[in-house]
Amino acid sequence: MARVYFYVVARDFGFAPNPFHGLCTLATCKPTIRRTARAEDWVVGMGGAKLNAVGRCIYAMRVTGALTFEKYWEDLEFCAKRPVRNGSRKTIVGDNIYHRCPASKKWQQADSHHSKLDGSPDPHNIQHDTQTNRVLVSNHFYYFGNTAPIVPVEILDDLGFKNAIGHRVFSIQKAQHFLAWLDGSFASQVNLVLGDPFQFTQSTARYSKKTDRVI
């Protein structure tokens, strides 16, 4: 039975999730969701206080596939998701950042939003991200970014969702009112990037898991 994962998006650079190049991907952060979500499950990112977006839906993706970091890195379909730090904002925040060294099998991290300021690998981010070797992929998603709509309060109350640390998992039946609102209001806007990420103008910034700060 399909499930719906809700969590609060603390940072929205276009990195996690990454809604660009025709697919929405969740390749870093949220290791528990990446480990347990299956095809036909939904992952919903709600706005938080840090983004001044409480009660607003930043994105919702129906999981349509999953693959390992190695497959994600090697598959030509996802090459556009590799970060290019001197490129456009879309390429700067690329989330296809992990692969293994053929000889040592140690994780390699591309220069990215999760690297150190000088572009070198950040061991704390590597450890956190790679504890789940799984990337979620969606070809059926809504990404609103800074145009995130307010979810009717009665829907959130019926669901029992409140902003909190961690994530909540609901049955598809329990989340039916939310999904009906989403599809009914935005069906013509599926698979589109409807607004820039909240922090898109800071696309060159880095995130440190060790300090839990954007640097």
N, C-alpha and C. Protein backbone atom coordinates (compact mmCIF):
# COMPACT_ATOMS: atom_id res chain seq x y z
N MET A 1 0.85 -1.19 0.00
CA MET A 1 0.00 0.00 0.00
C MET A 1 0.89 1.25 0.00
N ALA A 2 0.59 2.16 -0.91
CA ALA A 2 1.41 3.37 -1.03
C ALA A 2 1.29 4.24 0.21
N ARG A 3 2.36 4.99 0.48
CA ARG A 3 2.41 5.87 1.63
C ARG A 3 2.82 7.27 1.20
N VAL A 4 2.59 8.22 2.09
CA VAL A 4 2.93 9.62 1.81
C VAL A 4 3.83 10.13 2.94
N TYR A 5 5.03 10.56 2.58
CA TYR A 5 6.00 11.07 3.53
C TYR A 5 5.93 12.61 3.54
N PHE A 6 5.74 13.18 4.69
CA PHE A 6 5.75 14.63 4.86
C PHE A 6 6.94 15.03 5.72
N TYR A 7 7.64 16.08 5.32
CA TYR A 7 8.68 16.64 6.16
C TYR A 7 8.81 18.13 5.88
N VAL A 8 9.52 18.82 6.75
CA VAL A 8 9.74 20.26 6.62
C VAL A 8 11.06 20.50 5.92
N VAL A 9 11.03 21.26 4.84
CA VAL A 9 12.23 21.61 4.09
C VAL A 9 12.93 22.77 4.81
N ALA A 10 14.08 22.49 5.37
CA ALA A 10 14.82 23.52 6.12
C ALA A 10 15.57 24.47 5.19
N ARG A 11 16.07 23.94 4.07
CA ARG A 11 16.83 24.72 3.10
C ARG A 11 16.34 24.37 1.70
N ASP A 12 16.21 25.38 0.86
CA ASP A 12 15.71 25.15 -0.49
C ASP A 12 16.58 25.90 -1.49
N PHE A 13 17.63 25.20 -1.95
CA PHE A 13 18.55 25.76 -2.94
C PHE A 13 18.30 25.20 -4.33
N GLY A 14 17.48 24.15 -4.43
CA GLY A 14 17.35 23.40 -5.68
C GLY A 14 18.26 22.20 -5.69
N PHE A 15 18.83 21.87 -4.52
CA PHE A 15 19.77 20.76 -4.40
C PHE A 15 19.08 19.51 -3.87
N ALA A 16 18.30 19.65 -2.80
CA ALA A 16 17.58 18.52 -2.22
C ALA A 16 16.19 18.99 -1.80
N PRO A 17 15.19 18.83 -2.64
CA PRO A 17 15.23 18.09 -3.89
C PRO A 17 15.84 18.92 -5.03
N ASN A 18 16.18 18.22 -6.11
CA ASN A 18 16.64 18.87 -7.33
C ASN A 18 15.56 18.66 -8.39
N PRO A 19 14.84 19.73 -8.78
CA PRO A 19 13.71 19.58 -9.69
C PRO A 19 14.02 19.85 -11.15
N PHE A 20 15.29 19.95 -11.49
CA PHE A 20 15.68 20.41 -12.82
C PHE A 20 15.91 19.26 -13.81
N HIS A 21 15.95 19.63 -15.08
CA HIS A 21 16.23 18.70 -16.18
C HIS A 21 15.13 17.64 -16.35
N GLY A 22 13.90 18.03 -16.03
CA GLY A 22 12.74 17.17 -16.32
C GLY A 22 12.43 16.10 -15.31
N LEU A 23 13.26 15.97 -14.26
CA LEU A 23 13.02 14.97 -13.22
C LEU A 23 13.26 15.61 -11.86
N CYS A 24 12.48 15.18 -10.89
CA CYS A 24 12.73 15.61 -9.51
C CYS A 24 13.46 14.48 -8.81
N THR A 25 14.59 14.79 -8.20
CA THR A 25 15.41 13.77 -7.54
C THR A 25 15.70 14.17 -6.11
N LEU A 26 15.74 13.17 -5.25
CA LEU A 26 16.16 13.35 -3.86
C LEU A 26 17.36 12.43 -3.67
N ALA A 27 18.54 13.03 -3.72
CA ALA A 27 19.78 12.24 -3.75
C ALA A 27 20.64 12.44 -2.50
N THR A 28 20.32 13.45 -1.71
CA THR A 28 21.09 13.71 -0.50
C THR A 28 20.13 14.05 0.62
N CYS A 29 20.66 14.15 1.84
CA CYS A 29 19.82 14.42 3.01
C CYS A 29 18.74 13.34 3.13
N LYS A 30 17.88 13.44 4.11
CA LYS A 30 16.73 12.55 4.34
C LYS A 30 17.05 11.07 4.08
N PRO A 31 18.08 10.53 4.75
CA PRO A 31 18.47 9.14 4.48
C PRO A 31 17.38 8.12 4.80
N THR A 32 16.58 8.38 5.82
CA THR A 32 15.54 7.41 6.17
C THR A 32 14.46 7.36 5.09
N ILE A 33 14.05 8.52 4.61
CA ILE A 33 13.05 8.55 3.53
C ILE A 33 13.62 7.89 2.28
N ARG A 34 14.86 8.19 1.95
CA ARG A 34 15.45 7.58 0.75
C ARG A 34 15.58 6.07 0.88
N ARG A 35 15.76 5.59 2.09
CA ARG A 35 15.89 4.15 2.30
C ARG A 35 14.56 3.42 2.21
N THR A 36 13.50 4.03 2.69
CA THR A 36 12.24 3.30 2.86
C THR A 36 11.17 3.60 1.81
N ALA A 37 11.21 4.74 1.17
CA ALA A 37 10.17 5.08 0.18
C ALA A 37 10.27 4.16 -1.02
N ARG A 38 9.13 3.79 -1.56
CA ARG A 38 9.04 2.87 -2.69
C ARG A 38 8.24 3.52 -3.83
N ALA A 39 8.29 2.89 -4.99
CA ALA A 39 7.53 3.38 -6.15
C ALA A 39 6.06 3.53 -5.78
N GLU A 40 5.48 4.63 -6.22
CA GLU A 40 4.09 5.03 -5.97
C GLU A 40 3.90 5.73 -4.63
N ASP A 41 4.91 5.71 -3.75
CA ASP A 41 4.84 6.55 -2.57
C ASP A 41 5.01 8.01 -2.98
N TRP A 42 4.54 8.91 -2.14
CA TRP A 42 4.74 10.34 -2.34
C TRP A 42 5.69 10.88 -1.29
N VAL A 43 6.51 11.85 -1.67
CA VAL A 43 7.34 12.60 -0.74
C VAL A 43 6.94 14.06 -0.88
N VAL A 44 6.56 14.66 0.24
CA VAL A 44 6.05 16.03 0.24
C VAL A 44 6.92 16.89 1.15
N GLY A 45 7.43 17.98 0.61
CA GLY A 45 8.24 18.91 1.39
C GLY A 45 7.46 20.16 1.70
N MET A 46 7.20 20.40 2.97
CA MET A 46 6.47 21.59 3.42
C MET A 46 7.45 22.67 3.85
N GLY A 47 7.02 23.91 3.75
CA GLY A 47 7.86 25.02 4.14
C GLY A 47 7.98 25.14 5.65
N GLY A 48 9.11 25.64 6.10
CA GLY A 48 9.34 25.82 7.52
C GLY A 48 9.54 27.28 7.89
N ALA A 49 9.75 27.52 9.17
CA ALA A 49 9.89 28.88 9.67
C ALA A 49 11.13 29.57 9.10
N LYS A 50 12.21 28.80 8.88
CA LYS A 50 13.45 29.39 8.37
C LYS A 50 13.25 30.01 6.98
N LEU A 51 12.32 29.45 6.23
CA LEU A 51 12.02 29.99 4.90
C LEU A 51 10.81 30.91 4.91
N ASN A 52 10.26 31.15 6.10
CA ASN A 52 9.04 31.94 6.23
C ASN A 52 7.94 31.38 5.34
N ALA A 53 7.79 30.04 5.41
CA ALA A 53 6.86 29.37 4.50
C ALA A 53 6.04 28.29 5.21
N VAL A 54 5.76 28.49 6.48
CA VAL A 54 4.99 27.50 7.22
C VAL A 54 3.60 27.35 6.60
N GLY A 55 3.19 26.08 6.43
CA GLY A 55 1.88 25.80 5.86
C GLY A 55 1.83 25.81 4.35
N ARG A 56 2.96 26.01 3.71
CA ARG A 56 3.02 26.06 2.25
C ARG A 56 3.73 24.81 1.73
N CYS A 57 3.31 24.34 0.57
CA CYS A 57 3.89 23.14 -0.03
C CYS A 57 4.97 23.54 -1.02
N ILE A 58 6.22 23.21 -0.71
CA ILE A 58 7.33 23.55 -1.59
C ILE A 58 7.42 22.59 -2.77
N TYR A 59 7.20 21.29 -2.49
CA TYR A 59 7.21 20.32 -3.58
C TYR A 59 6.50 19.05 -3.15
N ALA A 60 6.09 18.29 -4.14
CA ALA A 60 5.52 16.95 -3.90
C ALA A 60 5.93 16.08 -5.08
N MET A 61 6.52 14.93 -4.81
CA MET A 61 6.95 14.03 -5.88
C MET A 61 6.41 12.63 -5.63
N ARG A 62 5.85 12.05 -6.68
CA ARG A 62 5.48 10.64 -6.60
C ARG A 62 6.69 9.84 -7.04
N VAL A 63 7.17 8.96 -6.19
CA VAL A 63 8.37 8.19 -6.50
C VAL A 63 8.07 7.24 -7.66
N THR A 64 8.84 7.37 -8.73
CA THR A 64 8.66 6.50 -9.89
C THR A 64 9.88 5.63 -10.16
N GLY A 65 10.94 5.83 -9.38
CA GLY A 65 12.13 5.00 -9.53
C GLY A 65 13.12 5.27 -8.43
N ALA A 66 14.09 4.38 -8.30
CA ALA A 66 15.16 4.54 -7.31
C ALA A 66 16.40 3.82 -7.84
N LEU A 67 17.56 4.34 -7.52
CA LEU A 67 18.80 3.72 -7.96
C LEU A 67 19.93 4.08 -7.01
N THR A 68 21.02 3.32 -7.09
CA THR A 68 22.16 3.57 -6.22
C THR A 68 22.91 4.81 -6.70
N PHE A 69 23.77 5.34 -5.81
CA PHE A 69 24.60 6.47 -6.21
C PHE A 69 25.47 6.10 -7.42
N GLU A 70 25.98 4.87 -7.43
CA GLU A 70 26.84 4.46 -8.54
C GLU A 70 26.09 4.50 -9.87
N LYS A 71 24.87 3.95 -9.87
CA LYS A 71 24.05 3.97 -11.09
C LYS A 71 23.69 5.39 -11.48
N TYR A 72 23.37 6.20 -10.48
CA TYR A 72 23.00 7.59 -10.73
C TYR A 72 24.16 8.34 -11.39
N TRP A 73 25.36 8.10 -10.90
CA TRP A 73 26.55 8.76 -11.44
C TRP A 73 26.86 8.29 -12.85
N GLU A 74 26.72 7.01 -13.09
CA GLU A 74 27.15 6.42 -14.37
C GLU A 74 26.12 6.58 -15.49
N ASP A 75 24.85 6.65 -15.15
CA ASP A 75 23.79 6.67 -16.17
C ASP A 75 23.80 7.99 -16.92
N LEU A 76 23.93 7.92 -18.24
CA LEU A 76 23.98 9.12 -19.07
C LEU A 76 22.74 9.99 -18.91
N GLU A 77 21.62 9.37 -18.56
CA GLU A 77 20.37 10.13 -18.40
C GLU A 77 20.50 11.19 -17.31
N PHE A 78 21.40 10.96 -16.35
CA PHE A 78 21.49 11.86 -15.21
C PHE A 78 22.77 12.70 -15.20
N CYS A 79 23.48 12.71 -16.30
CA CYS A 79 24.72 13.50 -16.36
C CYS A 79 24.45 14.98 -16.13
N ALA A 80 23.30 15.46 -16.60
CA ALA A 80 22.96 16.87 -16.43
C ALA A 80 22.77 17.25 -14.97
N LYS A 81 22.58 16.23 -14.13
CA LYS A 81 22.40 16.49 -12.70
C LYS A 81 23.74 16.58 -11.96
N ARG A 82 24.86 16.34 -12.65
CA ARG A 82 26.16 16.51 -12.01
C ARG A 82 26.42 18.01 -11.83
N PRO A 83 27.01 18.41 -10.70
CA PRO A 83 27.23 19.83 -10.48
C PRO A 83 28.35 20.41 -11.33
N VAL A 84 28.14 21.63 -11.78
CA VAL A 84 29.17 22.41 -12.48
C VAL A 84 29.24 23.74 -11.73
N ARG A 85 30.23 23.89 -10.90
CA ARG A 85 30.25 25.02 -9.97
C ARG A 85 30.54 26.36 -10.64
N ASN A 86 31.02 26.35 -11.86
CA ASN A 86 31.21 27.62 -12.59
C ASN A 86 30.17 27.76 -13.70
N GLY A 87 29.07 27.03 -13.58
CA GLY A 87 28.02 27.07 -14.59
C GLY A 87 26.84 27.92 -14.17
N SER A 88 25.68 27.58 -14.69
CA SER A 88 24.46 28.29 -14.33
C SER A 88 24.00 27.87 -12.94
N ARG A 89 23.04 28.59 -12.38
CA ARG A 89 22.55 28.22 -11.06
C ARG A 89 22.00 26.80 -11.04
N LYS A 90 21.36 26.39 -12.14
CA LYS A 90 20.82 25.02 -12.20
C LYS A 90 21.93 23.98 -12.10
N THR A 91 23.05 24.24 -12.74
CA THR A 91 24.13 23.26 -12.71
C THR A 91 24.95 23.36 -11.43
N ILE A 92 25.03 24.55 -10.85
CA ILE A 92 25.77 24.72 -9.60
C ILE A 92 25.19 23.82 -8.51
N VAL A 93 23.85 23.69 -8.49
CA VAL A 93 23.20 22.92 -7.42
C VAL A 93 22.92 21.47 -7.83
N GLY A 94 23.63 20.97 -8.82
CA GLY A 94 23.46 19.57 -9.21
C GLY A 94 23.65 18.63 -8.04
N ASP A 95 22.80 17.59 -7.96
CA ASP A 95 22.83 16.68 -6.80
C ASP A 95 23.47 15.33 -7.10
N ASN A 96 23.96 15.13 -8.30
CA ASN A 96 24.60 13.85 -8.68
C ASN A 96 26.07 13.95 -8.31
N ILE A 97 26.37 13.69 -7.03
CA ILE A 97 27.69 14.06 -6.52
C ILE A 97 28.53 12.89 -5.99
N TYR A 98 27.97 11.68 -5.92
CA TYR A 98 28.69 10.58 -5.29
C TYR A 98 29.00 9.43 -6.25
N HIS A 99 30.21 8.91 -6.11
CA HIS A 99 30.58 7.66 -6.77
C HIS A 99 31.75 7.08 -5.98
N ARG A 100 32.09 5.85 -6.25
CA ARG A 100 33.17 5.19 -5.50
C ARG A 100 34.45 5.16 -6.33
N CYS A 101 35.58 5.26 -5.63
CA CYS A 101 36.88 5.06 -6.27
C CYS A 101 36.99 3.60 -6.67
N PRO A 102 37.28 3.28 -7.93
CA PRO A 102 37.35 1.88 -8.36
C PRO A 102 38.34 1.04 -7.56
N ALA A 103 39.44 1.63 -7.16
CA ALA A 103 40.47 0.86 -6.45
C ALA A 103 40.14 0.68 -4.97
N SER A 104 39.84 1.77 -4.29
CA SER A 104 39.65 1.71 -2.83
C SER A 104 38.19 1.48 -2.43
N LYS A 105 37.27 1.73 -3.35
CA LYS A 105 35.83 1.65 -3.08
C LYS A 105 35.36 2.74 -2.10
N LYS A 106 36.23 3.72 -1.83
CA LYS A 106 35.84 4.81 -0.95
C LYS A 106 34.97 5.81 -1.72
N TRP A 107 34.07 6.46 -0.98
CA TRP A 107 33.18 7.42 -1.61
C TRP A 107 33.94 8.64 -2.09
N GLN A 108 33.64 9.05 -3.29
CA GLN A 108 34.16 10.29 -3.86
C GLN A 108 33.01 11.29 -3.92
N GLN A 109 33.29 12.53 -3.60
CA GLN A 109 32.26 13.58 -3.60
C GLN A 109 32.67 14.68 -4.57
N ALA A 110 31.82 14.93 -5.56
CA ALA A 110 32.10 16.01 -6.51
C ALA A 110 31.99 17.36 -5.81
N ASP A 111 32.70 18.33 -6.34
CA ASP A 111 32.61 19.71 -5.85
C ASP A 111 31.16 20.16 -5.96
N SER A 112 30.54 20.47 -4.83
CA SER A 112 29.08 20.63 -4.82
C SER A 112 28.64 21.43 -3.60
N HIS A 113 27.33 21.55 -3.47
CA HIS A 113 26.71 22.23 -2.33
C HIS A 113 27.09 21.56 -1.01
N HIS A 114 27.43 20.28 -1.04
CA HIS A 114 27.79 19.54 0.18
C HIS A 114 29.29 19.40 0.38
N SER A 115 30.09 20.09 -0.42
CA SER A 115 31.54 20.07 -0.24
C SER A 115 31.98 21.22 0.67
N LYS A 116 33.25 21.19 1.05
CA LYS A 116 33.81 22.29 1.82
C LYS A 116 33.91 23.55 0.97
N LEU A 117 34.21 24.67 1.63
CA LEU A 117 34.26 25.95 0.92
C LEU A 117 35.24 25.94 -0.25
N ASP A 118 36.33 25.19 -0.10
CA ASP A 118 37.33 25.14 -1.17
C ASP A 118 37.01 24.08 -2.22
N GLY A 119 35.87 23.41 -2.08
CA GLY A 119 35.47 22.39 -3.04
C GLY A 119 35.93 21.00 -2.70
N SER A 120 36.72 20.85 -1.65
CA SER A 120 37.20 19.53 -1.26
C SER A 120 36.08 18.75 -0.55
N PRO A 121 36.18 17.42 -0.51
CA PRO A 121 35.12 16.61 0.10
C PRO A 121 34.89 16.94 1.57
N ASP A 122 33.64 16.93 1.97
CA ASP A 122 33.26 17.16 3.36
C ASP A 122 32.90 15.82 3.97
N PRO A 123 33.74 15.27 4.86
CA PRO A 123 33.51 13.92 5.39
C PRO A 123 32.21 13.79 6.18
N HIS A 124 31.78 14.85 6.84
CA HIS A 124 30.54 14.78 7.62
C HIS A 124 29.33 14.65 6.70
N ASN A 125 29.32 15.42 5.62
CA ASN A 125 28.23 15.31 4.66
C ASN A 125 28.26 13.97 3.94
N ILE A 126 29.45 13.50 3.61
CA ILE A 126 29.58 12.20 2.95
C ILE A 126 29.00 11.10 3.84
N GLN A 127 29.39 11.11 5.11
CA GLN A 127 28.90 10.08 6.02
C GLN A 127 27.39 10.11 6.14
N HIS A 128 26.83 11.30 6.26
CA HIS A 128 25.37 11.42 6.42
C HIS A 128 24.63 11.01 5.16
N ASP A 129 25.08 11.50 4.02
CA ASP A 129 24.37 11.22 2.76
C ASP A 129 24.45 9.76 2.36
N THR A 130 25.65 9.17 2.49
CA THR A 130 25.86 7.83 1.95
C THR A 130 25.44 6.71 2.90
N GLN A 131 24.93 7.05 4.08
CA GLN A 131 24.42 5.99 4.95
C GLN A 131 23.25 5.27 4.29
N THR A 132 22.60 5.94 3.34
CA THR A 132 21.60 5.30 2.49
C THR A 132 22.04 5.46 1.05
N ASN A 133 22.43 4.37 0.43
CA ASN A 133 22.93 4.40 -0.96
C ASN A 133 21.73 4.27 -1.91
N ARG A 134 20.95 5.32 -1.96
CA ARG A 134 19.71 5.26 -2.75
C ARG A 134 19.26 6.67 -3.12
N VAL A 135 18.93 6.84 -4.39
CA VAL A 135 18.43 8.10 -4.92
C VAL A 135 16.99 7.89 -5.37
N LEU A 136 16.10 8.76 -4.91
CA LEU A 136 14.70 8.69 -5.35
C LEU A 136 14.52 9.56 -6.59
N VAL A 137 13.77 9.05 -7.55
CA VAL A 137 13.55 9.73 -8.83
C VAL A 137 12.05 9.84 -9.08
N SER A 138 11.62 10.96 -9.64
CA SER A 138 10.21 11.14 -9.97
C SER A 138 10.05 11.80 -11.33
N ASN A 139 9.19 11.21 -12.16
CA ASN A 139 8.78 11.87 -13.39
C ASN A 139 7.31 12.31 -13.29
N HIS A 140 6.84 12.43 -12.05
CA HIS A 140 5.51 12.99 -11.77
C HIS A 140 5.61 13.80 -10.49
N PHE A 141 5.84 15.10 -10.66
CA PHE A 141 6.10 15.93 -9.49
C PHE A 141 5.54 17.34 -9.68
N TYR A 142 5.40 18.01 -8.57
CA TYR A 142 5.06 19.43 -8.53
C TYR A 142 6.16 20.13 -7.75
N TYR A 143 6.80 21.09 -8.37
CA TYR A 143 7.80 21.86 -7.66
C TYR A 143 7.39 23.34 -7.72
N PHE A 144 7.10 23.89 -6.55
CA PHE A 144 6.60 25.26 -6.48
C PHE A 144 7.69 26.25 -6.06
N GLY A 145 8.67 25.80 -5.28
CA GLY A 145 9.71 26.70 -4.84
C GLY A 145 9.12 27.91 -4.13
N ASN A 146 9.60 29.11 -4.50
CA ASN A 146 9.16 30.31 -3.80
C ASN A 146 7.75 30.77 -4.16
N THR A 147 7.06 30.01 -5.02
CA THR A 147 5.64 30.27 -5.28
C THR A 147 4.77 29.27 -4.52
N ALA A 148 5.36 28.61 -3.53
CA ALA A 148 4.68 27.54 -2.79
C ALA A 148 3.29 27.98 -2.32
N PRO A 149 2.26 27.21 -2.69
CA PRO A 149 0.91 27.57 -2.29
C PRO A 149 0.62 27.19 -0.84
N ILE A 150 -0.28 27.92 -0.23
CA ILE A 150 -0.74 27.59 1.12
C ILE A 150 -1.67 26.38 1.03
N VAL A 151 -1.38 25.36 1.79
CA VAL A 151 -2.26 24.20 1.86
C VAL A 151 -3.44 24.57 2.77
N PRO A 152 -4.68 24.38 2.33
CA PRO A 152 -5.82 24.73 3.18
C PRO A 152 -5.68 24.12 4.56
N VAL A 153 -5.90 24.95 5.57
CA VAL A 153 -5.65 24.53 6.95
C VAL A 153 -6.49 23.33 7.34
N GLU A 154 -7.70 23.22 6.77
CA GLU A 154 -8.55 22.08 7.10
C GLU A 154 -7.96 20.77 6.60
N ILE A 155 -7.21 20.83 5.50
CA ILE A 155 -6.56 19.62 4.97
C ILE A 155 -5.44 19.19 5.91
N LEU A 156 -4.63 20.14 6.36
CA LEU A 156 -3.54 19.80 7.27
C LEU A 156 -4.09 19.33 8.62
N ASP A 157 -5.18 19.96 9.07
CA ASP A 157 -5.78 19.53 10.33
C ASP A 157 -6.34 18.11 10.22
N ASP A 158 -6.99 17.83 9.09
CA ASP A 158 -7.54 16.49 8.88
C ASP A 158 -6.42 15.45 8.82
N LEU A 159 -5.31 15.86 8.23
CA LEU A 159 -4.17 14.95 8.12
C LEU A 159 -3.47 14.77 9.47
N GLY A 160 -3.52 15.81 10.27
CA GLY A 160 -2.80 15.76 11.55
C GLY A 160 -1.34 16.15 11.40
N PHE A 161 -1.03 16.93 10.35
CA PHE A 161 0.37 17.33 10.13
C PHE A 161 0.66 18.64 10.85
N LYS A 162 1.78 18.66 11.55
CA LYS A 162 2.30 19.88 12.18
C LYS A 162 3.79 19.95 11.88
N ASN A 163 4.28 21.17 11.71
CA ASN A 163 5.72 21.33 11.48
C ASN A 163 6.51 20.80 12.67
N ALA A 164 7.45 19.94 12.41
CA ALA A 164 8.26 19.35 13.47
C ALA A 164 9.53 18.78 12.87
N ILE A 165 10.49 18.46 13.72
CA ILE A 165 11.72 17.81 13.27
C ILE A 165 11.40 16.39 12.82
N GLY A 166 12.11 15.92 11.82
CA GLY A 166 11.89 14.57 11.32
C GLY A 166 10.80 14.54 10.26
N HIS A 167 10.24 13.37 10.03
CA HIS A 167 9.20 13.24 9.02
C HIS A 167 8.04 12.43 9.57
N ARG A 168 6.90 12.57 8.91
CA ARG A 168 5.72 11.80 9.25
C ARG A 168 5.33 10.96 8.04
N VAL A 169 4.78 9.78 8.29
CA VAL A 169 4.35 8.89 7.21
C VAL A 169 2.86 8.62 7.39
N PHE A 170 2.11 8.83 6.31
CA PHE A 170 0.66 8.62 6.32
C PHE A 170 0.29 7.61 5.24
N SER A 171 -0.79 6.90 5.47
CA SER A 171 -1.30 6.03 4.42
C SER A 171 -1.85 6.88 3.28
N ILE A 172 -1.93 6.29 2.10
CA ILE A 172 -2.46 7.01 0.95
C ILE A 172 -3.90 7.44 1.19
N GLN A 173 -4.64 6.62 1.93
CA GLN A 173 -6.03 6.96 2.24
C GLN A 173 -6.10 8.18 3.16
N LYS A 174 -5.22 8.21 4.18
CA LYS A 174 -5.21 9.33 5.11
C LYS A 174 -4.85 10.63 4.42
N ALA A 175 -3.98 10.55 3.42
CA ALA A 175 -3.52 11.75 2.71
C ALA A 175 -4.36 12.06 1.47
N GLN A 176 -5.47 11.37 1.30
CA GLN A 176 -6.24 11.51 0.07
C GLN A 176 -6.73 12.93 -0.16
N HIS A 177 -7.16 13.61 0.90
CA HIS A 177 -7.65 14.99 0.74
C HIS A 177 -6.53 15.91 0.25
N PHE A 178 -5.34 15.71 0.79
CA PHE A 178 -4.20 16.51 0.34
C PHE A 178 -3.89 16.23 -1.13
N LEU A 179 -3.82 14.96 -1.51
CA LEU A 179 -3.49 14.61 -2.89
C LEU A 179 -4.58 15.07 -3.86
N ALA A 180 -5.83 15.01 -3.43
CA ALA A 180 -6.92 15.48 -4.28
C ALA A 180 -6.82 16.98 -4.49
N TRP A 181 -6.46 17.71 -3.43
CA TRP A 181 -6.25 19.16 -3.56
C TRP A 181 -5.09 19.45 -4.50
N LEU A 182 -4.01 18.72 -4.35
CA LEU A 182 -2.82 18.93 -5.18
C LEU A 182 -3.14 18.69 -6.65
N ASP A 183 -3.69 17.52 -6.96
CA ASP A 183 -3.99 17.19 -8.36
C ASP A 183 -5.11 18.06 -8.92
N GLY A 184 -6.10 18.36 -8.09
CA GLY A 184 -7.22 19.16 -8.56
C GLY A 184 -6.84 20.60 -8.84
N SER A 185 -5.89 21.13 -8.08
CA SER A 185 -5.51 22.53 -8.23
C SER A 185 -4.39 22.75 -9.24
N PHE A 186 -3.53 21.73 -9.42
CA PHE A 186 -2.30 21.96 -10.19
C PHE A 186 -2.02 20.90 -11.25
N ALA A 187 -3.05 20.14 -11.65
CA ALA A 187 -2.84 19.04 -12.60
C ALA A 187 -2.19 19.50 -13.89
N SER A 188 -2.46 20.71 -14.33
CA SER A 188 -1.89 21.20 -15.59
C SER A 188 -0.44 21.66 -15.43
N GLN A 189 0.07 21.61 -14.22
CA GLN A 189 1.42 22.13 -13.96
C GLN A 189 2.37 21.05 -13.47
N VAL A 190 2.02 19.80 -13.76
CA VAL A 190 2.87 18.70 -13.33
C VAL A 190 4.21 18.73 -14.09
N ASN A 191 5.28 18.34 -13.40
CA ASN A 191 6.63 18.24 -13.96
C ASN A 191 7.20 19.58 -14.43
N LEU A 192 6.74 20.65 -13.80
CA LEU A 192 7.26 21.97 -14.11
C LEU A 192 7.91 22.58 -12.87
N VAL A 193 8.92 23.41 -13.10
CA VAL A 193 9.51 24.20 -12.02
C VAL A 193 8.76 25.52 -12.01
N LEU A 194 7.83 25.66 -11.07
CA LEU A 194 6.89 26.77 -11.09
C LEU A 194 7.42 28.02 -10.41
N GLY A 195 8.48 27.87 -9.65
CA GLY A 195 9.12 29.01 -9.02
C GLY A 195 10.56 28.66 -8.70
N ASP A 196 11.40 29.66 -8.58
CA ASP A 196 12.79 29.41 -8.20
C ASP A 196 12.84 28.87 -6.77
N PRO A 197 13.83 28.05 -6.46
CA PRO A 197 14.03 27.69 -5.06
C PRO A 197 14.16 28.94 -4.19
N PHE A 198 13.72 28.84 -2.95
CA PHE A 198 13.74 30.00 -2.06
C PHE A 198 15.12 30.62 -1.97
N GLN A 199 16.17 29.81 -1.99
CA GLN A 199 17.53 30.30 -1.80
C GLN A 199 18.38 30.20 -3.07
N PHE A 200 17.72 30.27 -4.21
CA PHE A 200 18.40 30.07 -5.49
C PHE A 200 19.48 31.12 -5.74
N THR A 201 19.27 32.34 -5.25
CA THR A 201 20.27 33.39 -5.46
C THR A 201 21.53 33.12 -4.66
N GLN A 202 21.47 32.19 -3.71
CA GLN A 202 22.64 31.80 -2.92
C GLN A 202 23.17 30.44 -3.40
N SER A 203 23.00 30.15 -4.66
CA SER A 203 23.31 28.82 -5.18
C SER A 203 24.76 28.41 -4.97
N THR A 204 25.67 29.36 -4.84
CA THR A 204 27.08 29.01 -4.66
C THR A 204 27.43 28.67 -3.21
N ALA A 205 26.47 28.83 -2.31
CA ALA A 205 26.73 28.54 -0.89
C ALA A 205 26.96 27.05 -0.68
N ARG A 206 27.53 26.71 0.45
CA ARG A 206 27.76 25.32 0.84
C ARG A 206 27.00 25.06 2.15
N TYR A 207 26.68 23.78 2.37
CA TYR A 207 26.05 23.40 3.63
C TYR A 207 26.98 22.47 4.40
N SER A 208 27.15 22.77 5.68
CA SER A 208 27.98 21.95 6.56
C SER A 208 27.09 21.18 7.52
N LYS A 209 27.11 19.85 7.41
CA LYS A 209 26.36 19.01 8.35
C LYS A 209 26.96 19.11 9.75
N LYS A 210 28.28 19.28 9.84
CA LYS A 210 28.95 19.34 11.14
C LYS A 210 28.43 20.50 11.98
N THR A 211 28.25 21.66 11.35
CA THR A 211 27.79 22.84 12.09
C THR A 211 26.32 23.13 11.85
N ASP A 212 25.70 22.40 10.93
CA ASP A 212 24.31 22.64 10.52
C ASP A 212 24.11 24.11 10.11
N ARG A 213 25.05 24.55 9.28
CA ARG A 213 25.01 25.95 8.82
C ARG A 213 25.28 26.00 7.33
N VAL A 214 24.68 27.00 6.69
CA VAL A 214 25.03 27.33 5.31
C VAL A 214 26.19 28.29 5.36
N ILE A 215 27.23 27.99 4.59
CA ILE A 215 28.47 28.77 4.64
C ILE A 215 28.84 29.28 3.26
